[in-house]
């Protein structure tokens, strides 16, 4: 599969990512916080007949100087990419927190998005206040410090040789990390997310400021990552759960969701939190199903 890098201006910076030159239904892939657009290449390689675009999150990789998301509307950059690249009602695919962002973008502008596929992004049950308190408890500054240390986020490196040493160390550490040990492509992910700076140093994105921006969601925002968000979405939604993932709904929760929102389908695949690395064929099959359904709707 041949891909190219793209950029679009936004504010005083730019959003960037990768795309193929396929045709047919447009697909927009959004990675989770801490990864890069290129994490989707294993999936995109099985969807070559579609036009696939993957975006780096603001503050990451090719979007390192894009404005960080607003607390009350952090999904705006998705709508910007759709408009600036002229995507035609794409299927938007989001992993982890970006699954919420994709769902919120679809709730905000259903005229711009045909359907949503989420991976490891099942929304939480409970009231908005309960979910907000849980998020504040889980994603505090101490947790951000731990994540930064565990994955090397925010490291400043003084040479390309230092970058390569960090990549090699990350690959070795991943083999011993229960979250990453079954995944592939870790070295390439670190390389893609490490960007040169004007002073000649290199930054392993995201830094802590960027991480806080994605975790500091406004509890009074129009859309919030709890199950009531599904009630605001008119387009089809495909929720994908990994067998060994971190975000798996219990069977009774799946039944309640299906009963309340018939437009939401739940799929189970193998793999862990990064199943798009380890099981791209299974995940691509679900994305293809969403794209084909979108194409059929347009011709009906």
C-alpha atoms as a PDB file:
ATOM      1  CA  UNK A   1       0.000   0.000   0.000  1.00  0.00           C
ATOM      2  CA  UNK A   2       1.333   3.414  -0.986  1.00  0.00           C
ATOM      3  CA  UNK A   3       0.733   6.243   1.469  1.00  0.00           C
ATOM      4  CA  UNK A   4       1.501   9.930   1.558  1.00  0.00           C
ATOM      5  CA  UNK A   5       1.812  12.516   4.300  1.00  0.00           C
ATOM      6  CA  UNK A   6      -0.699  15.376   4.391  1.00  0.00           C
ATOM      7  CA  UNK A   7      -1.024  18.628   6.337  1.00  0.00           C
ATOM      8  CA  UNK A   8      -3.803  21.182   6.769  1.00  0.00           C
ATOM      9  CA  UNK A   9      -3.501  24.530   8.592  1.00  0.00           C
ATOM     10  CA  UNK A  10      -5.353  25.024  11.853  1.00  0.00           C
ATOM     11  CA  UNK A  11      -4.906  28.056  14.093  1.00  0.00           C
ATOM     12  CA  UNK A  12      -1.206  28.893  14.306  1.00  0.00           C
ATOM     13  CA  UNK A  13      -0.184  25.320  13.532  1.00  0.00           C
ATOM     14  CA  UNK A  14      -1.217  22.391  11.395  1.00  0.00           C
ATOM     15  CA  UNK A  15      -2.815  18.991  11.583  1.00  0.00           C
ATOM     16  CA  UNK A  16      -1.087  16.151   9.778  1.00  0.00           C
ATOM     17  CA  UNK A  17      -1.294  12.469   9.099  1.00  0.00           C
ATOM     18  CA  UNK A  18      -1.085   9.816   6.408  1.00  0.00           C
ATOM     19  CA  UNK A  19      -3.418   8.753   3.601  1.00  0.00           C
ATOM     20  CA  UNK A  20      -3.600   6.245   0.799  1.00  0.00           C
ATOM     21  CA  UNK A  21      -4.839   6.941  -2.709  1.00  0.00           C
ATOM     22  CA  UNK A  22      -7.835   4.633  -2.660  1.00  0.00           C
ATOM     23  CA  UNK A  23     -11.292   5.458  -3.947  1.00  0.00           C
ATOM     24  CA  UNK A  24     -14.819   4.666  -2.841  1.00  0.00           C
ATOM     25  CA  UNK A  25     -16.077   5.370   0.665  1.00  0.00           C
ATOM     26  CA  UNK A  26     -13.883   7.669   2.760  1.00  0.00           C
ATOM     27  CA  UNK A  27     -12.481   6.338   6.039  1.00  0.00           C
ATOM     28  CA  UNK A  28     -11.024   8.605   8.742  1.00  0.00           C
ATOM     29  CA  UNK A  29      -8.870   6.910  11.396  1.00  0.00           C
ATOM     30  CA  UNK A  30      -8.168   8.644  14.729  1.00  0.00           C
ATOM     31  CA  UNK A  31      -5.535   7.120  17.055  1.00  0.00           C
ATOM     32  CA  UNK A  32      -5.606   7.169  20.829  1.00  0.00           C
ATOM     33  CA  UNK A  33      -3.658   9.575  22.986  1.00  0.00           C
ATOM     34  CA  UNK A  34       0.006   8.543  22.993  1.00  0.00           C
ATOM     35  CA  UNK A  35       0.088   6.868  19.576  1.00  0.00           C
ATOM     36  CA  UNK A  36       0.394   8.151  16.015  1.00  0.00           C
ATOM     37  CA  UNK A  37      -1.611   8.080  12.811  1.00  0.00           C
ATOM     38  CA  UNK A  38       0.671   5.386  11.421  1.00  0.00           C
ATOM     39  CA  UNK A  39      -0.581   2.912  14.023  1.00  0.00           C
ATOM     40  CA  UNK A  40      -3.519   2.422  11.636  1.00  0.00           C
ATOM     41  CA  UNK A  41      -1.393   1.322   8.665  1.00  0.00           C
ATOM     42  CA  UNK A  42      -1.805  -2.435   9.418  1.00  0.00           C
ATOM     43  CA  UNK A  43      -5.596  -1.948   9.216  1.00  0.00           C
ATOM     44  CA  UNK A  44      -5.492   0.424   6.245  1.00  0.00           C
ATOM     45  CA  UNK A  45      -3.420  -2.105   4.290  1.00  0.00           C
ATOM     46  CA  UNK A  46      -6.450  -4.432   4.288  1.00  0.00           C
ATOM     47  CA  UNK A  47      -8.779  -1.673   3.076  1.00  0.00           C
ATOM     48  CA  UNK A  48      -6.902  -0.465   0.000  1.00  0.00           C
ATOM     49  CA  UNK A  49      -9.994  -0.087  -2.161  1.00  0.00           C
ATOM     50  CA  UNK A  50     -11.263   2.655   0.140  1.00  0.00           C
ATOM     51  CA  UNK A  51      -9.846   6.146   0.615  1.00  0.00           C
ATOM     52  CA  UNK A  52      -8.237   5.964   4.046  1.00  0.00           C
ATOM     53  CA  UNK A  53      -7.000   8.993   5.968  1.00  0.00           C
ATOM     54  CA  UNK A  54      -5.378   8.828   9.413  1.00  0.00           C
ATOM     55  CA  UNK A  55      -4.795  11.947  11.516  1.00  0.00           C
ATOM     56  CA  UNK A  56      -2.339  12.552  14.331  1.00  0.00           C
ATOM     57  CA  UNK A  57      -3.986  13.979  17.427  1.00  0.00           C
ATOM     58  CA  UNK A  58      -3.162  17.614  18.196  1.00  0.00           C
ATOM     59  CA  UNK A  59       0.076  17.673  20.196  1.00  0.00           C
ATOM     60  CA  UNK A  60       1.278  14.427  18.606  1.00  0.00           C
ATOM     61  CA  UNK A  61       3.712  13.584  15.789  1.00  0.00           C
ATOM     62  CA  UNK A  62       2.731  15.402  12.560  1.00  0.00           C
ATOM     63  CA  UNK A  63       0.171  17.475  14.506  1.00  0.00           C
ATOM     64  CA  UNK A  64       2.593  18.445  17.268  1.00  0.00           C
ATOM     65  CA  UNK A  65       2.020  22.202  16.827  1.00  0.00           C
ATOM     66  CA  UNK A  66      -1.756  22.045  16.301  1.00  0.00           C
ATOM     67  CA  UNK A  67      -3.804  23.809  19.005  1.00  0.00           C
ATOM     68  CA  UNK A  68      -4.652  21.460  21.849  1.00  0.00           C
ATOM     69  CA  UNK A  69      -8.316  20.442  22.165  1.00  0.00           C
ATOM     70  CA  UNK A  70     -10.841  22.609  23.965  1.00  0.00           C
ATOM     71  CA  UNK A  71     -12.185  21.080  27.158  1.00  0.00           C
ATOM     72  CA  UNK A  72     -15.780  21.639  26.105  1.00  0.00           C
ATOM     73  CA  UNK A  73     -15.460  20.455  22.498  1.00  0.00           C
ATOM     74  CA  UNK A  74     -12.300  18.346  22.054  1.00  0.00           C
ATOM     75  CA  UNK A  75     -13.605  16.645  18.906  1.00  0.00           C
ATOM     76  CA  UNK A  76     -13.453  19.790  16.729  1.00  0.00           C
ATOM     77  CA  UNK A  77     -10.229  18.721  14.998  1.00  0.00           C
ATOM     78  CA  UNK A  78     -12.046  15.723  13.487  1.00  0.00           C
ATOM     79  CA  UNK A  79     -14.570  18.044  11.856  1.00  0.00           C
ATOM     80  CA  UNK A  80     -11.700  20.266  10.672  1.00  0.00           C
ATOM     81  CA  UNK A  81      -9.982  17.344   8.924  1.00  0.00           C
ATOM     82  CA  UNK A  82     -13.231  16.306   7.224  1.00  0.00           C
ATOM     83  CA  UNK A  83     -13.790  19.833   5.927  1.00  0.00           C
ATOM     84  CA  UNK A  84     -10.202  20.668   4.944  1.00  0.00           C
ATOM     85  CA  UNK A  85      -9.553  17.377   3.140  1.00  0.00           C
ATOM     86  CA  UNK A  86     -12.986  17.334   1.507  1.00  0.00           C
ATOM     87  CA  UNK A  87     -13.937  13.943   2.912  1.00  0.00           C
ATOM     88  CA  UNK A  88     -17.403  12.802   1.840  1.00  0.00           C
ATOM     89  CA  UNK A  89     -19.283  11.679   4.972  1.00  0.00           C
ATOM     90  CA  UNK A  90     -16.513   9.320   6.085  1.00  0.00           C
ATOM     91  CA  UNK A  91     -16.733   6.357   8.385  1.00  0.00           C
ATOM     92  CA  UNK A  92     -14.823   7.647  11.416  1.00  0.00           C
ATOM     93  CA  UNK A  93     -12.767   5.073  13.313  1.00  0.00           C
ATOM     94  CA  UNK A  94     -11.477   5.878  16.800  1.00  0.00           C
ATOM     95  CA  UNK A  95      -9.386   3.995  19.366  1.00  0.00           C
ATOM     96  CA  UNK A  96      -9.703   4.419  23.137  1.00  0.00           C
ATOM     97  CA  UNK A  97     -10.398   8.082  24.055  1.00  0.00           C
ATOM     98  CA  UNK A  98     -10.588   8.888  20.348  1.00  0.00           C
ATOM     99  CA  UNK A  99     -13.541   6.535  20.112  1.00  0.00           C
ATOM    100  CA  UNK A 100     -15.382   8.995  22.349  1.00  0.00           C
ATOM    101  CA  UNK A 101     -14.145  11.887  20.200  1.00  0.00           C
ATOM    102  CA  UNK A 102     -15.432  10.151  17.055  1.00  0.00           C
ATOM    103  CA  UNK A 103     -18.822   9.517  18.655  1.00  0.00           C
ATOM    104  CA  UNK A 104     -19.085  13.099  19.876  1.00  0.00           C
ATOM    105  CA  UNK A 105     -18.186  14.422  16.417  1.00  0.00           C
ATOM    106  CA  UNK A 106     -20.954  12.274  14.919  1.00  0.00           C
ATOM    107  CA  UNK A 107     -23.438  13.517  17.519  1.00  0.00           C
ATOM    108  CA  UNK A 108     -22.401  17.099  16.801  1.00  0.00           C
ATOM    109  CA  UNK A 109     -22.423  16.892  12.984  1.00  0.00           C
ATOM    110  CA  UNK A 110     -24.265  13.791  11.708  1.00  0.00           C
ATOM    111  CA  UNK A 111     -24.455  15.450   8.299  1.00  0.00           C
ATOM    112  CA  UNK A 112     -20.669  15.111   7.963  1.00  0.00           C
ATOM    113  CA  UNK A 113     -20.213  11.504   9.176  1.00  0.00           C
ATOM    114  CA  UNK A 114     -21.861   8.330   7.847  1.00  0.00           C
ATOM    115  CA  UNK A 115     -21.019   5.970  10.727  1.00  0.00           C
ATOM    116  CA  UNK A 116     -18.578   5.396  13.581  1.00  0.00           C
ATOM    117  CA  UNK A 117     -16.398   2.417  14.509  1.00  0.00           C
ATOM    118  CA  UNK A 118     -14.827   2.417  17.968  1.00  0.00           C
ATOM    119  CA  UNK A 119     -12.137   0.107  19.348  1.00  0.00           C
ATOM    120  CA  UNK A 120     -11.587  -0.222  23.101  1.00  0.00           C
ATOM    121  CA  UNK A 121     -13.918   2.694  23.718  1.00  0.00           C
ATOM    122  CA  UNK A 122     -17.084   1.328  25.295  1.00  0.00           C
ATOM    123  CA  UNK A 123     -18.750   4.247  27.074  1.00  0.00           C
ATOM    124  CA  UNK A 124     -19.267   3.988  30.819  1.00  0.00           C
ATOM    125  CA  UNK A 125     -22.610   3.524  32.523  1.00  0.00           C
ATOM    126  CA  UNK A 126     -23.700   5.828  35.315  1.00  0.00           C
ATOM    127  CA  UNK A 127     -24.624   9.480  35.586  1.00  0.00           C
ATOM    128  CA  UNK A 128     -22.475  12.223  34.106  1.00  0.00           C
ATOM    129  CA  UNK A 129     -21.386  13.244  37.620  1.00  0.00           C
ATOM    130  CA  UNK A 130     -20.400   9.682  38.540  1.00  0.00           C
ATOM    131  CA  UNK A 131     -18.378   9.222  35.364  1.00  0.00           C
ATOM    132  CA  UNK A 132     -16.756  12.641  35.788  1.00  0.00           C
ATOM    133  CA  UNK A 133     -15.644  11.814  39.339  1.00  0.00           C
ATOM    134  CA  UNK A 134     -14.261   8.477  38.193  1.00  0.00           C
ATOM    135  CA  UNK A 135     -12.263  10.103  35.386  1.00  0.00           C
ATOM    136  CA  UNK A 136     -10.864  12.719  37.771  1.00  0.00           C
ATOM    137  CA  UNK A 137      -9.807   9.934  40.124  1.00  0.00           C
ATOM    138  CA  UNK A 138      -8.213   7.762  37.432  1.00  0.00           C
ATOM    139  CA  UNK A 139      -6.529  10.443  35.312  1.00  0.00           C
ATOM    140  CA  UNK A 140      -4.923  12.706  37.902  1.00  0.00           C
ATOM    141  CA  UNK A 141      -1.442  14.251  37.719  1.00  0.00           C
ATOM    142  CA  UNK A 142       0.114  11.287  39.486  1.00  0.00           C
ATOM    143  CA  UNK A 143      -1.270   8.885  36.894  1.00  0.00           C
ATOM    144  CA  UNK A 144      -0.050  11.142  34.077  1.00  0.00           C
ATOM    145  CA  UNK A 145       3.434  11.064  35.645  1.00  0.00           C
ATOM    146  CA  UNK A 146       3.326   7.268  35.768  1.00  0.00           C
ATOM    147  CA  UNK A 147       2.185   6.987  32.148  1.00  0.00           C
ATOM    148  CA  UNK A 148       4.869   9.425  31.006  1.00  0.00           C
ATOM    149  CA  UNK A 149       7.566   7.437  32.785  1.00  0.00           C
ATOM    150  CA  UNK A 150       6.258   4.053  31.651  1.00  0.00           C
ATOM    151  CA  UNK A 151       6.038   4.969  27.966  1.00  0.00           C
ATOM    152  CA  UNK A 152       8.641   7.736  27.731  1.00  0.00           C
ATOM    153  CA  UNK A 153       6.175  10.476  26.817  1.00  0.00           C
ATOM    154  CA  UNK A 154       7.647  13.980  26.902  1.00  0.00           C
ATOM    155  CA  UNK A 155      11.283  12.901  26.676  1.00  0.00           C
ATOM    156  CA  UNK A 156      13.606  15.475  25.114  1.00  0.00           C
ATOM    157  CA  UNK A 157      16.499  13.876  23.221  1.00  0.00           C
ATOM    158  CA  UNK A 158      19.601  15.652  21.965  1.00  0.00           C
ATOM    159  CA  UNK A 159      20.413  13.658  18.810  1.00  0.00           C
ATOM    160  CA  UNK A 160      19.121  11.141  16.291  1.00  0.00           C
ATOM    161  CA  UNK A 161      21.393   8.565  17.894  1.00  0.00           C
ATOM    162  CA  UNK A 162      19.611   9.163  21.201  1.00  0.00           C
ATOM    163  CA  UNK A 163      16.288   8.731  19.419  1.00  0.00           C
ATOM    164  CA  UNK A 164      17.368   5.358  18.035  1.00  0.00           C
ATOM    165  CA  UNK A 165      18.557   4.285  21.487  1.00  0.00           C
ATOM    166  CA  UNK A 166      15.159   5.177  22.964  1.00  0.00           C
ATOM    167  CA  UNK A 167      13.380   3.268  20.190  1.00  0.00           C
ATOM    168  CA  UNK A 168      15.484   0.186  20.841  1.00  0.00           C
ATOM    169  CA  UNK A 169      14.901   0.440  24.595  1.00  0.00           C
ATOM    170  CA  UNK A 170      11.150   0.860  24.076  1.00  0.00           C
ATOM    171  CA  UNK A 171      11.002  -2.258  21.937  1.00  0.00           C
ATOM    172  CA  UNK A 172      12.816  -4.250  24.623  1.00  0.00           C
ATOM    173  CA  UNK A 173      10.622  -2.864  27.392  1.00  0.00           C
ATOM    174  CA  UNK A 174       7.449  -3.639  25.427  1.00  0.00           C
ATOM    175  CA  UNK A 175       8.340  -7.320  25.375  1.00  0.00           C
ATOM    176  CA  UNK A 176       8.147  -7.330  29.188  1.00  0.00           C
ATOM    177  CA  UNK A 177       5.068  -5.093  29.489  1.00  0.00           C
ATOM    178  CA  UNK A 178       1.776  -6.990  29.853  1.00  0.00           C
ATOM    179  CA  UNK A 179      -0.059  -4.249  27.955  1.00  0.00           C
ATOM    180  CA  UNK A 180       2.287  -4.313  24.955  1.00  0.00           C
ATOM    181  CA  UNK A 181       3.969  -7.723  24.916  1.00  0.00           C
ATOM    182  CA  UNK A 182       1.613  -9.270  22.352  1.00  0.00           C
ATOM    183  CA  UNK A 183       1.632  -6.298  19.998  1.00  0.00           C
ATOM    184  CA  UNK A 184       3.815  -5.502  16.995  1.00  0.00           C
ATOM    185  CA  UNK A 185       5.096  -2.246  15.550  1.00  0.00           C
ATOM    186  CA  UNK A 186       6.085  -0.628  18.863  1.00  0.00           C
ATOM    187  CA  UNK A 187       9.457   0.560  17.537  1.00  0.00           C
ATOM    188  CA  UNK A 188       7.844   2.194  14.524  1.00  0.00           C
ATOM    189  CA  UNK A 189       5.205   3.817  16.723  1.00  0.00           C
ATOM    190  CA  UNK A 190       7.886   5.424  18.906  1.00  0.00           C
ATOM    191  CA  UNK A 191       9.812   6.581  15.832  1.00  0.00           C
ATOM    192  CA  UNK A 192       6.710   8.163  14.296  1.00  0.00           C
ATOM    193  CA  UNK A 193       5.863  10.004  17.515  1.00  0.00           C
ATOM    194  CA  UNK A 194       9.345  11.448  18.085  1.00  0.00           C
ATOM    195  CA  UNK A 195       9.639  14.784  16.303  1.00  0.00           C
ATOM    196  CA  UNK A 196      12.474  17.283  15.718  1.00  0.00           C
ATOM    197  CA  UNK A 197      12.307  20.681  17.417  1.00  0.00           C
ATOM    198  CA  UNK A 198      13.682  24.035  16.181  1.00  0.00           C
ATOM    199  CA  UNK A 199      16.527  23.945  18.733  1.00  0.00           C
ATOM    200  CA  UNK A 200      17.920  20.709  17.273  1.00  0.00           C
ATOM    201  CA  UNK A 201      16.530  18.407  19.966  1.00  0.00           C
ATOM    202  CA  UNK A 202      13.830  15.759  19.557  1.00  0.00           C
ATOM    203  CA  UNK A 203      10.573  15.400  21.507  1.00  0.00           C
ATOM    204  CA  UNK A 204       8.817  12.132  22.238  1.00  0.00           C
ATOM    205  CA  UNK A 205       5.193  13.182  21.867  1.00  0.00           C
ATOM    206  CA  UNK A 206       2.900  13.690  23.660  1.00  0.00           C
ATOM    207  CA  UNK A 207       4.244  15.738  26.557  1.00  0.00           C
ATOM    208  CA  UNK A 208       2.454  15.993  29.894  1.00  0.00           C
ATOM    209  CA  UNK A 209       0.650  19.208  28.978  1.00  0.00           C
ATOM    210  CA  UNK A 210      -0.857  17.469  25.963  1.00  0.00           C
ATOM    211  CA  UNK A 211      -1.819  14.416  28.005  1.00  0.00           C
ATOM    212  CA  UNK A 212      -3.653  16.581  30.539  1.00  0.00           C
ATOM    213  CA  UNK A 213      -5.575  18.271  27.728  1.00  0.00           C
ATOM    214  CA  UNK A 214      -7.136  14.942  26.689  1.00  0.00           C
ATOM    215  CA  UNK A 215      -7.969  13.837  30.213  1.00  0.00           C
ATOM    216  CA  UNK A 216      -9.334  17.195  31.475  1.00  0.00           C
ATOM    217  CA  UNK A 217     -12.783  16.915  29.917  1.00  0.00           C
ATOM    218  CA  UNK A 218     -15.398  19.511  30.804  1.00  0.00           C
ATOM    219  CA  UNK A 219     -18.162  17.781  32.818  1.00  0.00           C
ATOM    220  CA  UNK A 220     -20.624  20.379  31.502  1.00  0.00           C
ATOM    221  CA  UNK A 221     -19.768  19.834  27.824  1.00  0.00           C
ATOM    222  CA  UNK A 222     -22.600  18.943  25.449  1.00  0.00           C
ATOM    223  CA  UNK A 223     -21.218  15.432  25.008  1.00  0.00           C
ATOM    224  CA  UNK A 224     -19.398  13.355  27.607  1.00  0.00           C
ATOM    225  CA  UNK A 225     -17.978   9.790  27.570  1.00  0.00           C
ATOM    226  CA  UNK A 226     -20.841   7.940  29.200  1.00  0.00           C
ATOM    227  CA  UNK A 227     -23.577   5.782  27.702  1.00  0.00           C
ATOM    228  CA  UNK A 228     -26.085   8.621  27.301  1.00  0.00           C
ATOM    229  CA  UNK A 229     -23.935   9.844  24.405  1.00  0.00           C
ATOM    230  CA  UNK A 230     -25.252   6.939  22.311  1.00  0.00           C
ATOM    231  CA  UNK A 231     -28.718   8.495  22.592  1.00  0.00           C
ATOM    232  CA  UNK A 232     -27.512  11.583  20.700  1.00  0.00           C
ATOM    233  CA  UNK A 233     -26.095   9.684  17.715  1.00  0.00           C
ATOM    234  CA  UNK A 234     -28.286   9.146  14.668  1.00  0.00           C
ATOM    235  CA  UNK A 235     -25.717   7.343  12.490  1.00  0.00           C
ATOM    236  CA  UNK A 236     -24.822   3.646  12.823  1.00  0.00           C
ATOM    237  CA  UNK A 237     -22.239   2.808  15.492  1.00  0.00           C
ATOM    238  CA  UNK A 238     -19.988  -0.273  15.604  1.00  0.00           C
ATOM    239  CA  UNK A 239     -18.479  -0.888  19.053  1.00  0.00           C
ATOM    240  CA  UNK A 240     -15.518  -3.285  18.857  1.00  0.00           C
ATOM    241  CA  UNK A 241     -14.265  -5.004  22.007  1.00  0.00           C
ATOM    242  CA  UNK A 242     -10.973  -6.889  22.340  1.00  0.00           C
ATOM    243  CA  UNK A 243     -11.027 -10.164  24.248  1.00  0.00           C
ATOM    244  CA  UNK A 244      -8.082  -9.110  26.449  1.00  0.00           C
ATOM    245  CA  UNK A 245      -8.751  -5.391  26.269  1.00  0.00           C
ATOM    246  CA  UNK A 246      -9.173  -2.754  28.942  1.00  0.00           C
ATOM    247  CA  UNK A 247     -12.667  -1.631  27.925  1.00  0.00           C
ATOM    248  CA  UNK A 248     -15.028  -4.602  27.750  1.00  0.00           C
ATOM    249  CA  UNK A 249     -18.725  -4.377  28.530  1.00  0.00           C
ATOM    250  CA  UNK A 250     -20.349  -7.157  30.495  1.00  0.00           C
ATOM    251  CA  UNK A 251     -23.011  -9.171  28.591  1.00  0.00           C
ATOM    252  CA  UNK A 252     -25.880  -7.541  30.495  1.00  0.00           C
ATOM    253  CA  UNK A 253     -24.548  -4.086  29.615  1.00  0.00           C
ATOM    254  CA  UNK A 254     -24.361  -5.101  25.952  1.00  0.00           C
ATOM    255  CA  UNK A 255     -27.987  -6.273  26.089  1.00  0.00           C
ATOM    256  CA  UNK A 256     -29.139  -3.009  27.679  1.00  0.00           C
ATOM    257  CA  UNK A 257     -27.320  -0.992  25.037  1.00  0.00           C
ATOM    258  CA  UNK A 258     -28.714  -3.027  22.133  1.00  0.00           C
ATOM    259  CA  UNK A 259     -32.245  -2.760  23.532  1.00  0.00           C
ATOM    260  CA  UNK A 260     -32.002   1.013  23.942  1.00  0.00           C
ATOM    261  CA  UNK A 261     -30.087   1.873  20.755  1.00  0.00           C
ATOM    262  CA  UNK A 262     -30.746  -0.515  17.828  1.00  0.00           C
ATOM    263  CA  UNK A 263     -28.319   1.486  15.666  1.00  0.00           C
ATOM    264  CA  UNK A 264     -25.417   0.369  17.902  1.00  0.00           C
ATOM    265  CA  UNK A 265     -23.797  -2.988  17.130  1.00  0.00           C
ATOM    266  CA  UNK A 266     -21.229  -4.664  19.388  1.00  0.00           C
ATOM    267  CA  UNK A 267     -18.480  -6.902  18.019  1.00  0.00           C
ATOM    268  CA  UNK A 268     -15.864  -9.018  19.789  1.00  0.00           C
ATOM    269  CA  UNK A 269     -12.411  -9.688  18.345  1.00  0.00           C
ATOM    270  CA  UNK A 270      -9.183 -11.207  19.621  1.00  0.00           C
ATOM    271  CA  UNK A 271      -6.277  -9.199  20.994  1.00  0.00           C
ATOM    272  CA  UNK A 272      -5.632  -6.650  23.694  1.00  0.00           C
ATOM    273  CA  UNK A 273      -5.862  -2.889  23.990  1.00  0.00           C
ATOM    274  CA  UNK A 274      -3.881  -2.419  20.758  1.00  0.00           C
ATOM    275  CA  UNK A 275      -5.749  -4.979  18.675  1.00  0.00           C
ATOM    276  CA  UNK A 276      -5.355  -2.851  15.542  1.00  0.00           C
ATOM    277  CA  UNK A 277      -1.646  -3.753  15.760  1.00  0.00           C
ATOM    278  CA  UNK A 278      -2.010  -7.426  16.637  1.00  0.00           C
ATOM    279  CA  UNK A 279      -5.265  -8.373  14.844  1.00  0.00           C
ATOM    280  CA  UNK A 280      -5.650  -5.927  11.948  1.00  0.00           C
ATOM    281  CA  UNK A 281      -7.483  -8.381   9.691  1.00  0.00           C
ATOM    282  CA  UNK A 282     -10.282  -8.967  12.194  1.00  0.00           C
ATOM    283  CA  UNK A 283     -10.677  -5.278  12.863  1.00  0.00           C
ATOM    284  CA  UNK A 284     -10.472  -4.313   9.176  1.00  0.00           C
ATOM    285  CA  UNK A 285     -13.310  -6.737   8.454  1.00  0.00           C
ATOM    286  CA  UNK A 286     -15.634  -4.729  10.711  1.00  0.00           C
ATOM    287  CA  UNK A 287     -14.522  -1.405   9.233  1.00  0.00           C
ATOM    288  CA  UNK A 288     -15.138  -2.819   5.749  1.00  0.00           C
ATOM    289  CA  UNK A 289     -18.637  -3.870   6.803  1.00  0.00           C
ATOM    290  CA  UNK A 290     -19.349  -0.318   8.008  1.00  0.00           C
ATOM    291  CA  UNK A 291     -17.992   1.166   4.775  1.00  0.00           C
ATOM    292  CA  UNK A 292     -20.034  -1.175   2.579  1.00  0.00           C
ATOM    293  CA  UNK A 293     -23.185  -0.361   4.562  1.00  0.00           C
ATOM    294  CA  UNK A 294     -22.451   3.333   4.087  1.00  0.00           C
ATOM    295  CA  UNK A 295     -22.032   2.830   0.345  1.00  0.00           C
ATOM    296  CA  UNK A 296     -25.321   0.917   0.150  1.00  0.00           C
ATOM    297  CA  UNK A 297     -27.151   3.698   2.000  1.00  0.00           C
ATOM    298  CA  UNK A 298     -25.905   6.272  -0.498  1.00  0.00           C
ATOM    299  CA  UNK A 299     -27.225   4.319  -3.468  1.00  0.00           C
ATOM    300  CA  UNK A 300     -30.560   3.314  -1.882  1.00  0.00           C
END
